[in-house]
Amino acid sequence: MKKNPVVAVVGATGAVGREMLDTLVRRNFPHSEVRALASSRSAGSKVEFGSKTLTVQELTEDSFVGVDLALFSAGGSTSEKFAPCAVKSGCVVVDNSSAWRMDPAVPLVVPEVNPDDLSWHKGIIANPNCSTIQMVVALKPIHDAARIKRVVVSTYQAVSGTGQKAIVELENQVRQLFNGQESTNSVYPHRIAFNCLPQIDVFLDNEYTKEEMKMVLETKKIMGDDSIRLTATTVRVPVFYGHSESVNIETEKKLTSKEARAILSQAPGVRVLDNPGEKIYPMPILAAGEDETFVGRIREDESIENGLNMFIVADNIRKGAALNAVQIAEVLLERGLLRIA
């Protein structure tokens, strides 16, 4: 009988790392030991793990000896350096950074959408971008029913997607403005309080941002269909938690809004909130702290023959990061794809 895995959380002091620890507890993930790893700056600090308190250990190339599963959320450069070290130690890595997502040898997985891709992992599995995850959870059942031809998505993304410093910046700017002071910014190029920034990440040569192209490329890889045409505009908004997306879908087969609503109501990981007459629809304040992806405002696009519009909202720290990573780990364990020493 195999023992429960030894689990390491890399980047354990960050917002996503802490949420990963909480999610392991909430979902009763089997483990014999959990280690909290972070940079030398955080070594020795404490993080909560259910009723226990873990002492953060410094991340080194030798940190993964005896570890079976590592959940990474410490940035791309850290993942590029240390994930291969973990694999060499016999550890399976679920990485939340963008470092491995488009590597053809690395599965990019949302468990509700493409869990079978885990079968060909070589030690590293990539967790998709937060805005992509919630979108494909809602797109997959529509694609299965009517085959999606084209998607146009505009996002309204919370500051927590940038990290703790962005949360603090929004808090400080609101306080400054309410006290009649000039606001200061260092995380974002412009003030985020009471503003919207149509830029997430850097601009590329094609005039799209890196975040926008992540959504395009990752969606095709996860859905396993390069024929899907997708264009994105990603916007940062002054919301703390919860990414929202306005999504327009063109399908090969006609789906009525009633049919789409019924399909999504049965989809794994989706909660339909769609009663306009009662002013019921997805909002970030409803999704914050929840695991599901909320879908509403489902309606037919009257400008094209086979079109649908919908509004999708999810907690970007939970389903957009920590929860998806732990769900991947659960499938690995359930299917015997986690190498346990």
C-alpha atoms as a PDB file:
ATOM      1  CA  MET A   1       0.000   0.000   0.000  1.00  0.00           C
ATOM      2  CA  LYS A   2       1.483   3.326  -1.056  1.00  0.00           C
ATOM      3  CA  LYS A   3       1.866   6.100   1.447  1.00  0.00           C
ATOM      4  CA  ASN A   4       0.264   9.480   0.989  1.00  0.00           C
ATOM      5  CA  PRO A   5       2.439  11.906  -0.970  1.00  0.00           C
ATOM      6  CA  VAL A   6       4.821  14.455   0.466  1.00  0.00           C
ATOM      7  CA  VAL A   7       3.660  17.810  -0.909  1.00  0.00           C
ATOM      8  CA  ALA A   8       5.629  21.046  -1.291  1.00  0.00           C
ATOM      9  CA  VAL A   9       4.122  24.462  -2.002  1.00  0.00           C
ATOM     10  CA  VAL A  10       6.649  26.764  -3.677  1.00  0.00           C
ATOM     11  CA  GLY A  11       5.910  30.457  -3.160  1.00  0.00           C
ATOM     12  CA  ALA A  12       4.004  29.622   0.005  1.00  0.00           C
ATOM     13  CA  THR A  13       4.016  33.180   1.363  1.00  0.00           C
ATOM     14  CA  GLY A  14       2.337  34.715  -1.702  1.00  0.00           C
ATOM     15  CA  ALA A  15      -1.415  35.169  -2.205  1.00  0.00           C
ATOM     16  CA  VAL A  16      -1.742  32.123  -4.465  1.00  0.00           C
ATOM     17  CA  GLY A  17       0.646  30.015  -2.384  1.00  0.00           C
ATOM     18  CA  ARG A  18      -1.386  30.658   0.765  1.00  0.00           C
ATOM     19  CA  GLU A  19      -4.564  29.838  -1.144  1.00  0.00           C
ATOM     20  CA  MET A  20      -2.957  26.586  -2.342  1.00  0.00           C
ATOM     21  CA  LEU A  21      -2.308  25.611   1.271  1.00  0.00           C
ATOM     22  CA  ASP A  22      -5.888  26.490   2.235  1.00  0.00           C
ATOM     23  CA  THR A  23      -7.244  24.543  -0.744  1.00  0.00           C
ATOM     24  CA  LEU A  24      -5.268  21.430   0.177  1.00  0.00           C
ATOM     25  CA  VAL A  25      -6.900  21.619   3.611  1.00  0.00           C
ATOM     26  CA  ARG A  26     -10.413  22.410   2.352  1.00  0.00           C
ATOM     27  CA  ARG A  27     -10.399  19.531  -0.120  1.00  0.00           C
ATOM     28  CA  ASN A  28      -8.740  17.092   2.296  1.00  0.00           C
ATOM     29  CA  PHE A  29      -5.960  16.334  -0.160  1.00  0.00           C
ATOM     30  CA  PRO A  30      -4.145  13.179   1.039  1.00  0.00           C
ATOM     31  CA  HIS A  31      -0.633  13.896   2.287  1.00  0.00           C
ATOM     32  CA  SER A  32       1.930  12.542   4.685  1.00  0.00           C
ATOM     33  CA  GLU A  33       3.727  15.886   4.946  1.00  0.00           C
ATOM     34  CA  VAL A  34       3.378  19.398   3.549  1.00  0.00           C
ATOM     35  CA  ARG A  35       6.398  21.672   3.156  1.00  0.00           C
ATOM     36  CA  ALA A  36       6.238  25.424   2.618  1.00  0.00           C
ATOM     37  CA  LEU A  37       9.018  26.751   0.374  1.00  0.00           C
ATOM     38  CA  ALA A  38       9.882  30.316  -0.609  1.00  0.00           C
ATOM     39  CA  SER A  39      12.838  32.602  -1.286  1.00  0.00           C
ATOM     40  CA  SER A  40      15.550  33.260   1.262  1.00  0.00           C
ATOM     41  CA  ARG A  41      13.785  36.524   2.208  1.00  0.00           C
ATOM     42  CA  SER A  42      10.795  34.557   3.499  1.00  0.00           C
ATOM     43  CA  ALA A  43      12.673  31.627   5.030  1.00  0.00           C
ATOM     44  CA  GLY A  44      11.826  31.251   8.713  1.00  0.00           C
ATOM     45  CA  SER A  45       8.465  32.994   8.464  1.00  0.00           C
ATOM     46  CA  LYS A  46       5.247  31.165   9.320  1.00  0.00           C
ATOM     47  CA  VAL A  47       2.224  30.205   7.211  1.00  0.00           C
ATOM     48  CA  GLU A  48      -1.030  28.609   8.282  1.00  0.00           C
ATOM     49  CA  PHE A  49      -1.969  25.121   7.142  1.00  0.00           C
ATOM     50  CA  GLY A  50      -5.325  24.283   8.673  1.00  0.00           C
ATOM     51  CA  SER A  51      -4.790  23.992  12.415  1.00  0.00           C
ATOM     52  CA  LYS A  52      -1.035  23.750  11.925  1.00  0.00           C
ATOM     53  CA  THR A  53       1.611  26.399  11.429  1.00  0.00           C
ATOM     54  CA  LEU A  54       4.361  25.676   8.932  1.00  0.00           C
ATOM     55  CA  THR A  55       7.818  27.214   9.026  1.00  0.00           C
ATOM     56  CA  VAL A  56       8.829  28.395   5.572  1.00  0.00           C
ATOM     57  CA  GLN A  57      11.998  26.772   4.248  1.00  0.00           C
ATOM     58  CA  GLU A  58      14.350  28.360   1.721  1.00  0.00           C
ATOM     59  CA  LEU A  59      13.871  27.098  -1.822  1.00  0.00           C
ATOM     60  CA  THR A  60      17.043  25.401  -3.072  1.00  0.00           C
ATOM     61  CA  GLU A  61      17.889  22.825  -5.725  1.00  0.00           C
ATOM     62  CA  ASP A  62      17.867  20.161  -2.978  1.00  0.00           C
ATOM     63  CA  SER A  63      14.435  21.107  -1.579  1.00  0.00           C
ATOM     64  CA  PHE A  64      12.631  18.336  -3.452  1.00  0.00           C
ATOM     65  CA  VAL A  65      14.441  15.300  -2.115  1.00  0.00           C
ATOM     66  CA  GLY A  66      11.687  13.067  -0.771  1.00  0.00           C
ATOM     67  CA  VAL A  67       8.915  15.253  -2.228  1.00  0.00           C
ATOM     68  CA  ASP A  68       6.313  13.611  -4.482  1.00  0.00           C
ATOM     69  CA  LEU A  69       4.269  16.621  -5.584  1.00  0.00           C
ATOM     70  CA  ALA A  70       5.216  20.300  -5.833  1.00  0.00           C
ATOM     71  CA  LEU A  71       2.723  23.093  -6.454  1.00  0.00           C
ATOM     72  CA  PHE A  72       4.640  26.104  -7.818  1.00  0.00           C
ATOM     73  CA  SER A  73       3.458  29.698  -7.641  1.00  0.00           C
ATOM     74  CA  ALA A  74       6.620  31.754  -7.476  1.00  0.00           C
ATOM     75  CA  GLY A  75       7.001  33.304 -10.932  1.00  0.00           C
ATOM     76  CA  GLY A  76       8.342  32.141 -14.267  1.00  0.00           C
ATOM     77  CA  SER A  77      12.067  32.501 -13.612  1.00  0.00           C
ATOM     78  CA  THR A  78      11.800  30.505 -10.378  1.00  0.00           C
ATOM     79  CA  SER A  79       9.854  27.775 -12.162  1.00  0.00           C
ATOM     80  CA  GLU A  80      12.336  27.627 -15.025  1.00  0.00           C
ATOM     81  CA  LYS A  81      15.193  27.159 -12.588  1.00  0.00           C
ATOM     82  CA  PHE A  82      13.692  24.859  -9.963  1.00  0.00           C
ATOM     83  CA  ALA A  83      10.985  22.779 -11.683  1.00  0.00           C
ATOM     84  CA  PRO A  84      13.589  20.677 -13.548  1.00  0.00           C
ATOM     85  CA  CYS A  85      15.399  20.151 -10.235  1.00  0.00           C
ATOM     86  CA  ALA A  86      12.159  18.872  -8.722  1.00  0.00           C
ATOM     87  CA  VAL A  87      11.577  16.476 -11.616  1.00  0.00           C
ATOM     88  CA  LYS A  88      15.134  15.136 -11.308  1.00  0.00           C
ATOM     89  CA  SER A  89      14.321  14.337  -7.672  1.00  0.00           C
ATOM     90  CA  GLY A  90      11.334  12.239  -8.793  1.00  0.00           C
ATOM     91  CA  CYS A  91       8.775  14.922  -7.999  1.00  0.00           C
ATOM     92  CA  VAL A  92       5.790  15.882 -10.171  1.00  0.00           C
ATOM     93  CA  VAL A  93       5.374  19.655 -10.608  1.00  0.00           C
ATOM     94  CA  VAL A  94       2.137  21.578 -11.159  1.00  0.00           C
ATOM     95  CA  ASP A  95       3.322  25.034 -12.173  1.00  0.00           C
ATOM     96  CA  ASN A  96       1.190  28.175 -11.989  1.00  0.00           C
ATOM     97  CA  SER A  97       3.547  30.435 -13.956  1.00  0.00           C
ATOM     98  CA  SER A  98       3.602  31.015 -17.706  1.00  0.00           C
ATOM     99  CA  ALA A  99       7.030  29.346 -18.026  1.00  0.00           C
ATOM    100  CA  TRP A 100       5.876  25.973 -19.394  1.00  0.00           C
ATOM    101  CA  ARG A 101       2.360  26.615 -20.705  1.00  0.00           C
ATOM    102  CA  MET A 102       3.151  26.669 -24.408  1.00  0.00           C
ATOM    103  CA  ASP A 103       5.862  24.006 -24.286  1.00  0.00           C
ATOM    104  CA  PRO A 104       4.505  21.226 -26.551  1.00  0.00           C
ATOM    105  CA  ALA A 105       5.974  18.619 -24.187  1.00  0.00           C
ATOM    106  CA  VAL A 106       4.038  19.989 -21.188  1.00  0.00           C
ATOM    107  CA  PRO A 107       0.296  19.402 -20.673  1.00  0.00           C
ATOM    108  CA  LEU A 108      -1.745  22.571 -20.064  1.00  0.00           C
ATOM    109  CA  VAL A 109      -4.716  21.377 -18.064  1.00  0.00           C
ATOM    110  CA  VAL A 110      -8.106  22.434 -16.735  1.00  0.00           C
ATOM    111  CA  PRO A 111      -9.534  19.270 -15.130  1.00  0.00           C
ATOM    112  CA  GLU A 112     -13.122  19.964 -16.236  1.00  0.00           C
ATOM    113  CA  VAL A 113     -11.919  20.340 -19.835  1.00  0.00           C
ATOM    114  CA  ASN A 114      -8.910  18.145 -20.717  1.00  0.00           C
ATOM    115  CA  PRO A 115      -7.927  15.856 -17.809  1.00  0.00           C
ATOM    116  CA  ASP A 116      -6.782  13.119 -20.223  1.00  0.00           C
ATOM    117  CA  ASP A 117      -3.814  15.287 -21.253  1.00  0.00           C
ATOM    118  CA  LEU A 118      -2.281  14.489 -17.864  1.00  0.00           C
ATOM    119  CA  SER A 119      -1.533  10.970 -19.097  1.00  0.00           C
ATOM    120  CA  TRP A 120       1.420  12.156 -21.184  1.00  0.00           C
ATOM    121  CA  HIS A 121       3.123  14.416 -18.646  1.00  0.00           C
ATOM    122  CA  LYS A 122       6.880  14.095 -18.228  1.00  0.00           C
ATOM    123  CA  GLY A 123       7.030  15.533 -14.725  1.00  0.00           C
ATOM    124  CA  ILE A 124       5.736  19.080 -15.285  1.00  0.00           C
ATOM    125  CA  ILE A 125       2.104  20.115 -15.751  1.00  0.00           C
ATOM    126  CA  ALA A 126       1.224  23.735 -16.471  1.00  0.00           C
ATOM    127  CA  ASN A 127      -1.647  25.568 -14.799  1.00  0.00           C
ATOM    128  CA  PRO A 128      -3.216  27.929 -17.381  1.00  0.00           C
ATOM    129  CA  ASN A 129      -3.652  31.683 -17.107  1.00  0.00           C
ATOM    130  CA  CYS A 130      -6.443  32.666 -14.697  1.00  0.00           C
ATOM    131  CA  SER A 131      -8.575  34.383 -17.323  1.00  0.00           C
ATOM    132  CA  THR A 132      -8.226  31.428 -19.689  1.00  0.00           C
ATOM    133  CA  ILE A 133      -9.233  28.852 -17.073  1.00  0.00           C
ATOM    134  CA  GLN A 134     -12.641  30.311 -16.284  1.00  0.00           C
ATOM    135  CA  MET A 135     -13.412  30.916 -19.945  1.00  0.00           C
ATOM    136  CA  VAL A 136     -12.660  27.394 -21.153  1.00  0.00           C
ATOM    137  CA  VAL A 137     -14.687  25.866 -18.308  1.00  0.00           C
ATOM    138  CA  ALA A 138     -17.705  27.571 -19.885  1.00  0.00           C
ATOM    139  CA  LEU A 139     -16.629  27.150 -23.526  1.00  0.00           C
ATOM    140  CA  LYS A 140     -15.975  23.382 -23.458  1.00  0.00           C
ATOM    141  CA  PRO A 141     -19.611  22.228 -23.026  1.00  0.00           C
ATOM    142  CA  ILE A 142     -20.719  24.687 -25.727  1.00  0.00           C
ATOM    143  CA  HIS A 143     -17.961  23.438 -28.050  1.00  0.00           C
ATOM    144  CA  ASP A 144     -18.973  19.811 -27.455  1.00  0.00           C
ATOM    145  CA  ALA A 145     -22.599  20.600 -28.276  1.00  0.00           C
ATOM    146  CA  ALA A 146     -22.267  22.966 -31.235  1.00  0.00           C
ATOM    147  CA  ARG A 147     -18.563  23.341 -32.180  1.00  0.00           C
ATOM    148  CA  ILE A 148     -17.203  26.826 -31.595  1.00  0.00           C
ATOM    149  CA  LYS A 149     -15.856  28.665 -34.634  1.00  0.00           C
ATOM    150  CA  ARG A 150     -14.921  32.038 -33.130  1.00  0.00           C
ATOM    151  CA  VAL A 151     -14.705  33.768 -29.756  1.00  0.00           C
ATOM    152  CA  VAL A 152     -14.441  37.468 -28.936  1.00  0.00           C
ATOM    153  CA  VAL A 153     -13.634  38.096 -25.273  1.00  0.00           C
ATOM    154  CA  SER A 154     -13.189  41.277 -23.258  1.00  0.00           C
ATOM    155  CA  THR A 155     -12.002  40.839 -19.682  1.00  0.00           C
ATOM    156  CA  TYR A 156     -12.391  42.924 -16.533  1.00  0.00           C
ATOM    157  CA  GLN A 157      -9.636  41.604 -14.302  1.00  0.00           C
ATOM    158  CA  ALA A 158      -9.142  42.163 -10.578  1.00  0.00           C
ATOM    159  CA  VAL A 159      -5.939  43.630  -9.158  1.00  0.00           C
ATOM    160  CA  SER A 160      -5.229  40.471  -7.142  1.00  0.00           C
ATOM    161  CA  GLY A 161      -4.160  38.946 -10.458  1.00  0.00           C
ATOM    162  CA  THR A 162      -1.065  41.125 -10.222  1.00  0.00           C
ATOM    163  CA  GLY A 163      -0.332  40.154  -6.621  1.00  0.00           C
ATOM    164  CA  GLN A 164      -0.395  41.513  -3.089  1.00  0.00           C
ATOM    165  CA  LYS A 165       1.414  44.741  -4.009  1.00  0.00           C
ATOM    166  CA  ALA A 166      -1.392  45.626  -6.440  1.00  0.00           C
ATOM    167  CA  ILE A 167      -4.041  45.011  -3.780  1.00  0.00           C
ATOM    168  CA  VAL A 168      -2.196  47.366  -1.446  1.00  0.00           C
ATOM    169  CA  GLU A 169      -1.799  49.952  -4.229  1.00  0.00           C
ATOM    170  CA  LEU A 170      -5.549  50.025  -4.884  1.00  0.00           C
ATOM    171  CA  GLU A 171      -6.289  50.291  -1.150  1.00  0.00           C
ATOM    172  CA  ASN A 172      -3.795  53.154  -0.766  1.00  0.00           C
ATOM    173  CA  GLN A 173      -5.060  55.055  -3.803  1.00  0.00           C
ATOM    174  CA  VAL A 174      -8.677  54.893  -2.625  1.00  0.00           C
ATOM    175  CA  ARG A 175      -7.599  56.164   0.785  1.00  0.00           C
ATOM    176  CA  GLN A 176      -5.482  58.938  -0.758  1.00  0.00           C
ATOM    177  CA  LEU A 177      -8.257  60.146  -3.045  1.00  0.00           C
ATOM    178  CA  PHE A 178     -10.898  60.132  -0.319  1.00  0.00           C
ATOM    179  CA  ASN A 179      -8.568  62.263   1.792  1.00  0.00           C
ATOM    180  CA  GLY A 180      -8.032  64.784  -0.999  1.00  0.00           C
ATOM    181  CA  GLN A 181      -4.465  63.673  -1.643  1.00  0.00           C
ATOM    182  CA  GLU A 182      -2.659  62.992  -4.899  1.00  0.00           C
ATOM    183  CA  SER A 183      -2.629  59.271  -5.593  1.00  0.00           C
ATOM    184  CA  THR A 184       0.659  57.468  -6.104  1.00  0.00           C
ATOM    185  CA  ASN A 185       1.308  54.408  -8.264  1.00  0.00           C
ATOM    186  CA  SER A 186       4.221  52.042  -8.681  1.00  0.00           C
ATOM    187  CA  VAL A 187       2.673  48.699  -9.623  1.00  0.00           C
ATOM    188  CA  TYR A 188       0.595  49.950 -12.559  1.00  0.00           C
ATOM    189  CA  PRO A 189       1.570  52.591 -15.139  1.00  0.00           C
ATOM    190  CA  HIS A 190      -1.510  54.676 -14.254  1.00  0.00           C
ATOM    191  CA  ARG A 191      -3.863  55.074 -11.319  1.00  0.00           C
ATOM    192  CA  ILE A 192      -6.097  52.011 -10.922  1.00  0.00           C
ATOM    193  CA  ALA A 193      -8.547  53.417  -8.355  1.00  0.00           C
ATOM    194  CA  PHE A 194     -11.782  54.536 -10.098  1.00  0.00           C
ATOM    195  CA  ASN A 195     -10.146  53.761 -13.434  1.00  0.00           C
ATOM    196  CA  CYS A 196      -9.789  50.970 -16.025  1.00  0.00           C
ATOM    197  CA  LEU A 197      -6.491  50.099 -17.662  1.00  0.00           C
ATOM    198  CA  PRO A 198      -6.707  48.466 -21.111  1.00  0.00           C
ATOM    199  CA  GLN A 199      -3.280  46.911 -20.617  1.00  0.00           C
ATOM    200  CA  ILE A 200      -2.396  43.708 -18.798  1.00  0.00           C
ATOM    201  CA  ASP A 201       1.268  42.717 -19.176  1.00  0.00           C
ATOM    202  CA  VAL A 202       3.484  44.147 -21.919  1.00  0.00           C
ATOM    203  CA  PHE A 203       2.546  45.066 -25.482  1.00  0.00           C
ATOM    204  CA  LEU A 204       3.813  42.761 -28.211  1.00  0.00           C
ATOM    205  CA  ASP A 205       4.800  43.483 -31.810  1.00  0.00           C
ATOM    206  CA  ASN A 206       1.267  42.712 -33.032  1.00  0.00           C
ATOM    207  CA  GLU A 207      -0.109  45.473 -30.724  1.00  0.00           C
ATOM    208  CA  TYR A 208      -1.848  42.975 -28.456  1.00  0.00           C
ATOM    209  CA  THR A 209      -0.713  42.513 -24.870  1.00  0.00           C
ATOM    210  CA  LYS A 210       0.959  39.360 -23.646  1.00  0.00           C
ATOM    211  CA  GLU A 211      -2.130  38.569 -21.542  1.00  0.00           C
ATOM    212  CA  GLU A 212      -4.363  38.784 -24.606  1.00  0.00           C
ATOM    213  CA  MET A 213      -2.192  36.419 -26.593  1.00  0.00           C
ATOM    214  CA  LYS A 214      -2.015  34.010 -23.650  1.00  0.00           C
ATOM    215  CA  MET A 215      -5.791  33.679 -23.848  1.00  0.00           C
ATOM    216  CA  VAL A 216      -5.664  33.052 -27.596  1.00  0.00           C
ATOM    217  CA  LEU A 217      -2.884  30.452 -27.582  1.00  0.00           C
ATOM    218  CA  GLU A 218      -3.777  28.701 -24.327  1.00  0.00           C
ATOM    219  CA  THR A 219      -7.427  28.255 -25.279  1.00  0.00           C
ATOM    220  CA  LYS A 220      -6.485  26.443 -28.487  1.00  0.00           C
ATOM    221  CA  LYS A 221      -4.054  24.162 -26.647  1.00  0.00           C
ATOM    222  CA  ILE A 222      -6.454  23.300 -23.814  1.00  0.00           C
ATOM    223  CA  MET A 223      -9.426  22.757 -26.119  1.00  0.00           C
ATOM    224  CA  GLY A 224      -7.240  20.747 -28.489  1.00  0.00           C
ATOM    225  CA  ASP A 225      -8.546  22.650 -31.499  1.00  0.00           C
ATOM    226  CA  ASP A 226      -6.385  25.091 -33.446  1.00  0.00           C
ATOM    227  CA  SER A 227      -9.295  25.940 -35.732  1.00  0.00           C
ATOM    228  CA  ILE A 228     -11.011  28.028 -33.043  1.00  0.00           C
ATOM    229  CA  ARG A 229     -10.501  31.694 -33.855  1.00  0.00           C
ATOM    230  CA  LEU A 230     -10.226  33.899 -30.799  1.00  0.00           C
ATOM    231  CA  THR A 231      -9.477  37.558 -30.158  1.00  0.00           C
ATOM    232  CA  ALA A 232      -9.128  39.180 -26.748  1.00  0.00           C
ATOM    233  CA  THR A 233      -9.012  42.574 -25.064  1.00  0.00           C
ATOM    234  CA  THR A 234      -7.894  42.374 -21.435  1.00  0.00           C
ATOM    235  CA  VAL A 235      -8.598  45.202 -18.992  1.00  0.00           C
ATOM    236  CA  ARG A 236      -7.526  45.739 -15.383  1.00  0.00           C
ATOM    237  CA  VAL A 237     -10.330  47.128 -13.206  1.00  0.00           C
ATOM    238  CA  PRO A 238     -10.454  48.416  -9.595  1.00  0.00           C
ATOM    239  CA  VAL A 239     -11.832  45.180  -8.126  1.00  0.00           C
ATOM    240  CA  PHE A 240      -9.925  43.220  -5.501  1.00  0.00           C
ATOM    241  CA  TYR A 241     -10.975  39.635  -6.296  1.00  0.00           C
ATOM    242  CA  GLY A 242     -12.798  38.081  -9.240  1.00  0.00           C
ATOM    243  CA  HIS A 243     -12.177  38.297 -12.971  1.00  0.00           C
ATOM    244  CA  SER A 244     -15.142  39.049 -15.239  1.00  0.00           C
ATOM    245  CA  GLU A 245     -15.384  38.321 -18.966  1.00  0.00           C
ATOM    246  CA  SER A 246     -17.805  39.355 -21.671  1.00  0.00           C
ATOM    247  CA  VAL A 247     -17.692  36.494 -24.173  1.00  0.00           C
ATOM    248  CA  ASN A 248     -19.190  36.380 -27.665  1.00  0.00           C
ATOM    249  CA  ILE A 249     -19.268  32.936 -29.294  1.00  0.00           C
ATOM    250  CA  GLU A 250     -20.009  31.912 -32.868  1.00  0.00           C
ATOM    251  CA  THR A 251     -20.869  28.235 -33.346  1.00  0.00           C
ATOM    252  CA  GLU A 252     -21.294  25.937 -36.344  1.00  0.00           C
ATOM    253  CA  LYS A 253     -24.620  24.603 -35.050  1.00  0.00           C
ATOM    254  CA  LYS A 254     -27.398  26.858 -33.817  1.00  0.00           C
ATOM    255  CA  LEU A 255     -27.875  26.903 -30.043  1.00  0.00           C
ATOM    256  CA  THR A 256     -30.716  28.861 -28.477  1.00  0.00           C
ATOM    257  CA  SER A 257     -30.082  30.683 -25.236  1.00  0.00           C
ATOM    258  CA  LYS A 258     -32.397  28.191 -23.517  1.00  0.00           C
ATOM    259  CA  GLU A 259     -30.357  25.266 -24.855  1.00  0.00           C
ATOM    260  CA  ALA A 260     -27.071  26.910 -23.861  1.00  0.00           C
ATOM    261  CA  ARG A 261     -28.420  27.605 -20.379  1.00  0.00           C
ATOM    262  CA  ALA A 262     -29.447  23.973 -19.984  1.00  0.00           C
ATOM    263  CA  ILE A 263     -26.054  22.707 -21.199  1.00  0.00           C
ATOM    264  CA  LEU A 264     -24.112  24.993 -18.862  1.00  0.00           C
ATOM    265  CA  SER A 265     -26.374  24.108 -15.916  1.00  0.00           C
ATOM    266  CA  GLN A 266     -25.097  20.520 -16.221  1.00  0.00           C
ATOM    267  CA  ALA A 267     -21.452  21.428 -16.843  1.00  0.00           C
ATOM    268  CA  PRO A 268     -18.846  20.522 -14.191  1.00  0.00           C
ATOM    269  CA  GLY A 269     -17.511  23.491 -12.250  1.00  0.00           C
ATOM    270  CA  VAL A 270     -20.143  25.890 -13.618  1.00  0.00           C
ATOM    271  CA  ARG A 271     -22.894  27.679 -11.704  1.00  0.00           C
ATOM    272  CA  VAL A 272     -25.460  29.422 -13.875  1.00  0.00           C
ATOM    273  CA  LEU A 273     -26.753  32.709 -12.447  1.00  0.00           C
ATOM    274  CA  ASP A 274     -29.087  33.988 -15.123  1.00  0.00           C
ATOM    275  CA  ASN A 275     -32.401  35.602 -14.249  1.00  0.00           C
ATOM    276  CA  PRO A 276     -32.350  39.148 -15.645  1.00  0.00           C
ATOM    277  CA  GLY A 277     -35.920  39.807 -14.514  1.00  0.00           C
ATOM    278  CA  GLU A 278     -34.767  39.417 -10.910  1.00  0.00           C
ATOM    279  CA  LYS A 279     -31.450  41.182 -11.614  1.00  0.00           C
ATOM    280  CA  ILE A 280     -29.576  37.935 -11.059  1.00  0.00           C
ATOM    281  CA  TYR A 281     -26.293  37.624 -12.964  1.00  0.00           C
ATOM    282  CA  PRO A 282     -22.621  36.922 -12.181  1.00  0.00           C
ATOM    283  CA  MET A 283     -20.624  39.580 -10.355  1.00  0.00           C
ATOM    284  CA  PRO A 284     -17.159  39.558  -8.760  1.00  0.00           C
ATOM    285  CA  ILE A 285     -18.622  40.077  -5.270  1.00  0.00           C
ATOM    286  CA  LEU A 286     -20.569  36.837  -5.685  1.00  0.00           C
ATOM    287  CA  ALA A 287     -17.637  34.831  -7.057  1.00  0.00           C
ATOM    288  CA  ALA A 288     -15.011  35.983  -4.538  1.00  0.00           C
ATOM    289  CA  GLY A 289     -14.216  33.123  -2.179  1.00  0.00           C
ATOM    290  CA  GLU A 290     -16.121  30.571  -4.271  1.00  0.00           C
ATOM    291  CA  ASP A 291     -14.842  27.616  -6.292  1.00  0.00           C
ATOM    292  CA  GLU A 292     -17.295  27.620  -9.197  1.00  0.00           C
ATOM    293  CA  THR A 293     -17.188  29.551 -12.439  1.00  0.00           C
ATOM    294  CA  PHE A 294     -20.333  31.693 -12.642  1.00  0.00           C
ATOM    295  CA  VAL A 295     -22.064  32.151 -16.006  1.00  0.00           C
ATOM    296  CA  GLY A 296     -25.000  34.415 -16.831  1.00  0.00           C
ATOM    297  CA  ARG A 297     -26.418  37.007 -19.251  1.00  0.00           C
ATOM    298  CA  ILE A 298     -26.752  34.083 -21.694  1.00  0.00           C
ATOM    299  CA  ARG A 299     -28.438  35.408 -24.810  1.00  0.00           C
ATOM    300  CA  GLU A 300     -28.416  34.952 -28.557  1.00  0.00           C
ATOM    301  CA  ASP A 301     -26.302  37.311 -30.657  1.00  0.00           C
ATOM    302  CA  GLU A 302     -28.844  38.802 -33.038  1.00  0.00           C
ATOM    303  CA  SER A 303     -26.151  40.163 -35.378  1.00  0.00           C
ATOM    304  CA  ILE A 304     -25.068  36.703 -36.628  1.00  0.00           C
ATOM    305  CA  GLU A 305     -26.812  33.437 -37.401  1.00  0.00           C
ATOM    306  CA  ASN A 306     -25.278  31.177 -34.756  1.00  0.00           C
ATOM    307  CA  GLY A 307     -24.083  33.422 -31.956  1.00  0.00           C
ATOM    308  CA  LEU A 308     -24.233  33.562 -28.188  1.00  0.00           C
ATOM    309  CA  ASN A 309     -23.232  36.161 -25.615  1.00  0.00           C
ATOM    310  CA  MET A 310     -22.488  35.395 -21.997  1.00  0.00           C
ATOM    311  CA  PHE A 311     -20.830  36.892 -18.920  1.00  0.00           C
ATOM    312  CA  ILE A 312     -18.360  34.722 -17.007  1.00  0.00           C
ATOM    313  CA  VAL A 313     -16.969  35.454 -13.537  1.00  0.00           C
ATOM    314  CA  ALA A 314     -14.681  33.479 -11.227  1.00  0.00           C
ATOM    315  CA  ASP A 315     -12.385  34.023  -8.266  1.00  0.00           C
ATOM    316  CA  ASN A 316      -9.024  34.401  -9.988  1.00  0.00           C
ATOM    317  CA  ILE A 317      -7.032  33.276  -6.951  1.00  0.00           C
ATOM    318  CA  ARG A 318      -9.175  30.185  -6.427  1.00  0.00           C
ATOM    319  CA  LYS A 319     -10.330  28.624  -9.712  1.00  0.00           C
ATOM    320  CA  GLY A 320      -7.952  30.867 -11.626  1.00  0.00           C
ATOM    321  CA  ALA A 321      -4.928  29.508  -9.786  1.00  0.00           C
ATOM    322  CA  ALA A 322      -4.865  27.528  -6.527  1.00  0.00           C
ATOM    323  CA  LEU A 323      -7.988  25.407  -6.941  1.00  0.00           C
ATOM    324  CA  ASN A 324      -7.175  24.399 -10.518  1.00  0.00           C
ATOM    325  CA  ALA A 325      -3.677  23.317  -9.435  1.00  0.00           C
ATOM    326  CA  VAL A 326      -5.030  21.194  -6.586  1.00  0.00           C
ATOM    327  CA  GLN A 327      -7.691  19.691  -8.858  1.00  0.00           C
ATOM    328  CA  ILE A 328      -4.892  18.680 -11.245  1.00  0.00           C
ATOM    329  CA  ALA A 329      -3.092  17.045  -8.309  1.00  0.00           C
ATOM    330  CA  GLU A 330      -6.279  15.186  -7.374  1.00  0.00           C
ATOM    331  CA  VAL A 331      -6.616  13.734 -10.888  1.00  0.00           C
ATOM    332  CA  LEU A 332      -2.936  12.744 -10.921  1.00  0.00           C
ATOM    333  CA  LEU A 333      -3.385  10.899  -7.631  1.00  0.00           C
ATOM    334  CA  GLU A 334      -6.703   9.310  -8.635  1.00  0.00           C
ATOM    335  CA  ARG A 335      -5.347   8.033 -11.957  1.00  0.00           C
ATOM    336  CA  GLY A 336      -2.041   6.810 -10.596  1.00  0.00           C
ATOM    337  CA  LEU A 337      -0.103   9.447 -12.534  1.00  0.00           C
ATOM    338  CA  LEU A 338       1.713  10.828  -9.497  1.00  0.00           C
ATOM    339  CA  ARG A 339       5.019   9.093  -8.977  1.00  0.00           C
ATOM    340  CA  ILE A 340       5.163   8.382  -5.276  1.00  0.00           C
ATOM    341  CA  ALA A 341       8.411   7.188  -3.763  1.00  0.00           C
END
